[in-house]
Amino acid sequence: MIALVSAAVRGFRAWQERHRVLNELYSMDDRSLADIGLRRADIPFVVSPKADLAAEARPVFTANGPVAANNHVEQRAA
């Protein structure tokens, strides 16, 4: 029972955070969105709960080549 309540609270908090981010992004003008690499039409997809899962599967590109998104990247001195 406690696990169910805990999961419900986590889900509600995640929903609140997505809603806050949506409001913040929609309040930005198109130029500001372009500065961070977004278009207004991208906002629902970026904030979607499924976007978190998709981001984990995408590779991160570094100077040394792509690495898995969930791996830590060690910074080397140039």
C-alpha atoms as a PDB file:
ATOM      1  CA  MET A   1       0.000   0.000   0.000  1.00  0.00           C
ATOM      2  CA  ILE A   2       2.815   2.393   0.870  1.00  0.00           C
ATOM      3  CA  ALA A   3       4.563   1.615  -2.414  1.00  0.00           C
ATOM      4  CA  LEU A   4       1.399   2.478  -4.324  1.00  0.00           C
ATOM      5  CA  VAL A   5       1.030   5.831  -2.560  1.00  0.00           C
ATOM      6  CA  SER A   6       4.737   6.547  -3.074  1.00  0.00           C
ATOM      7  CA  ALA A   7       4.469   5.779  -6.791  1.00  0.00           C
ATOM      8  CA  ALA A   8       1.398   8.006  -7.081  1.00  0.00           C
ATOM      9  CA  VAL A   9       3.216  10.882  -5.363  1.00  0.00           C
ATOM     10  CA  ARG A  10       6.261  10.458  -7.658  1.00  0.00           C
ATOM     11  CA  GLY A  11       3.999  10.414 -10.700  1.00  0.00           C
ATOM     12  CA  PHE A  12       2.175  13.532  -9.564  1.00  0.00           C
ATOM     13  CA  ARG A  13       5.439  15.377  -8.904  1.00  0.00           C
ATOM     14  CA  ALA A  14       6.772  14.376 -12.330  1.00  0.00           C
ATOM     15  CA  TRP A  15       3.541  15.654 -13.914  1.00  0.00           C
ATOM     16  CA  GLN A  16       3.864  18.951 -12.007  1.00  0.00           C
ATOM     17  CA  GLU A  17       7.454  19.388 -13.207  1.00  0.00           C
ATOM     18  CA  ARG A  18       6.489  18.670 -16.846  1.00  0.00           C
ATOM     19  CA  HIS A  19       3.638  21.162 -16.553  1.00  0.00           C
ATOM     20  CA  ARG A  20       5.993  23.807 -15.113  1.00  0.00           C
ATOM     21  CA  VAL A  21       8.507  23.267 -17.929  1.00  0.00           C
ATOM     22  CA  LEU A  22       5.745  23.403 -20.557  1.00  0.00           C
ATOM     23  CA  ASN A  23       4.514  26.721 -19.196  1.00  0.00           C
ATOM     24  CA  GLU A  24       8.025  28.132 -19.102  1.00  0.00           C
ATOM     25  CA  LEU A  25       8.820  27.060 -22.671  1.00  0.00           C
ATOM     26  CA  TYR A  26       5.490  28.280 -24.059  1.00  0.00           C
ATOM     27  CA  SER A  27       6.099  31.670 -22.417  1.00  0.00           C
ATOM     28  CA  MET A  28       9.346  32.104 -24.401  1.00  0.00           C
ATOM     29  CA  ASP A  29       9.345  33.905 -27.731  1.00  0.00           C
ATOM     30  CA  ASP A  30      10.325  32.103 -30.946  1.00  0.00           C
ATOM     31  CA  ARG A  31      13.787  33.653 -31.026  1.00  0.00           C
ATOM     32  CA  SER A  32      14.589  32.477 -27.495  1.00  0.00           C
ATOM     33  CA  LEU A  33      13.350  28.998 -28.344  1.00  0.00           C
ATOM     34  CA  ALA A  34      15.550  28.983 -31.461  1.00  0.00           C
ATOM     35  CA  ASP A  35      18.527  29.947 -29.281  1.00  0.00           C
ATOM     36  CA  ILE A  36      18.122  26.691 -27.362  1.00  0.00           C
ATOM     37  CA  GLY A  37      17.464  24.687 -30.519  1.00  0.00           C
ATOM     38  CA  LEU A  38      13.686  24.349 -30.289  1.00  0.00           C
ATOM     39  CA  ARG A  39      10.672  25.299 -32.335  1.00  0.00           C
ATOM     40  CA  ARG A  40       7.305  25.897 -30.715  1.00  0.00           C
ATOM     41  CA  ALA A  41       6.007  22.674 -32.308  1.00  0.00           C
ATOM     42  CA  ASP A  42       8.797  20.687 -30.580  1.00  0.00           C
ATOM     43  CA  ILE A  43       7.766  21.639 -27.044  1.00  0.00           C
ATOM     44  CA  PRO A  44       5.189  18.884 -26.349  1.00  0.00           C
ATOM     45  CA  PHE A  45       7.595  16.218 -27.612  1.00  0.00           C
ATOM     46  CA  VAL A  46      10.551  17.506 -25.600  1.00  0.00           C
ATOM     47  CA  VAL A  47       8.556  17.610 -22.368  1.00  0.00           C
ATOM     48  CA  SER A  48       6.740  14.307 -22.946  1.00  0.00           C
ATOM     49  CA  PRO A  49       7.469  11.564 -20.394  1.00  0.00           C
ATOM     50  CA  LYS A  50       8.515   9.393 -23.348  1.00  0.00           C
ATOM     51  CA  ALA A  51      11.202  11.962 -24.237  1.00  0.00           C
ATOM     52  CA  ASP A  52      13.134  10.921 -21.116  1.00  0.00           C
ATOM     53  CA  LEU A  53      13.213   7.318 -22.302  1.00  0.00           C
ATOM     54  CA  ALA A  54      14.216   8.306 -25.825  1.00  0.00           C
ATOM     55  CA  ALA A  55      17.018  10.539 -24.521  1.00  0.00           C
ATOM     56  CA  GLU A  56      18.526   7.599 -22.633  1.00  0.00           C
ATOM     57  CA  ALA A  57      18.788   5.622 -25.866  1.00  0.00           C
ATOM     58  CA  ARG A  58      20.378   8.432 -27.919  1.00  0.00           C
ATOM     59  CA  PRO A  59      24.165   8.605 -28.093  1.00  0.00           C
ATOM     60  CA  VAL A  60      25.968  11.655 -26.792  1.00  0.00           C
ATOM     61  CA  PHE A  61      28.621  13.014 -29.139  1.00  0.00           C
ATOM     62  CA  THR A  62      31.887  14.200 -27.658  1.00  0.00           C
ATOM     63  CA  ALA A  63      35.229  15.237 -29.102  1.00  0.00           C
ATOM     64  CA  ASN A  64      36.273  11.597 -28.736  1.00  0.00           C
ATOM     65  CA  GLY A  65      33.239  10.254 -30.593  1.00  0.00           C
ATOM     66  CA  PRO A  66      29.808   9.010 -29.528  1.00  0.00           C
ATOM     67  CA  VAL A  67      29.230   7.489 -26.102  1.00  0.00           C
ATOM     68  CA  ALA A  68      26.105   6.016 -24.563  1.00  0.00           C
ATOM     69  CA  ALA A  69      23.922   8.702 -22.976  1.00  0.00           C
ATOM     70  CA  ASN A  70      24.022   7.069 -19.561  1.00  0.00           C
ATOM     71  CA  ASN A  71      27.827   6.724 -19.455  1.00  0.00           C
ATOM     72  CA  HIS A  72      29.895   9.324 -17.701  1.00  0.00           C
ATOM     73  CA  VAL A  73      32.219  11.197 -20.004  1.00  0.00           C
ATOM     74  CA  GLU A  74      35.677  11.880 -18.695  1.00  0.00           C
ATOM     75  CA  GLN A  75      36.992  15.279 -19.722  1.00  0.00           C
ATOM     76  CA  ARG A  76      40.582  15.282 -20.955  1.00  0.00           C
ATOM     77  CA  ALA A  77      42.896  18.250 -20.869  1.00  0.00           C
ATOM     78  CA  ALA A  78      43.811  19.501 -24.345  1.00  0.00           C
END
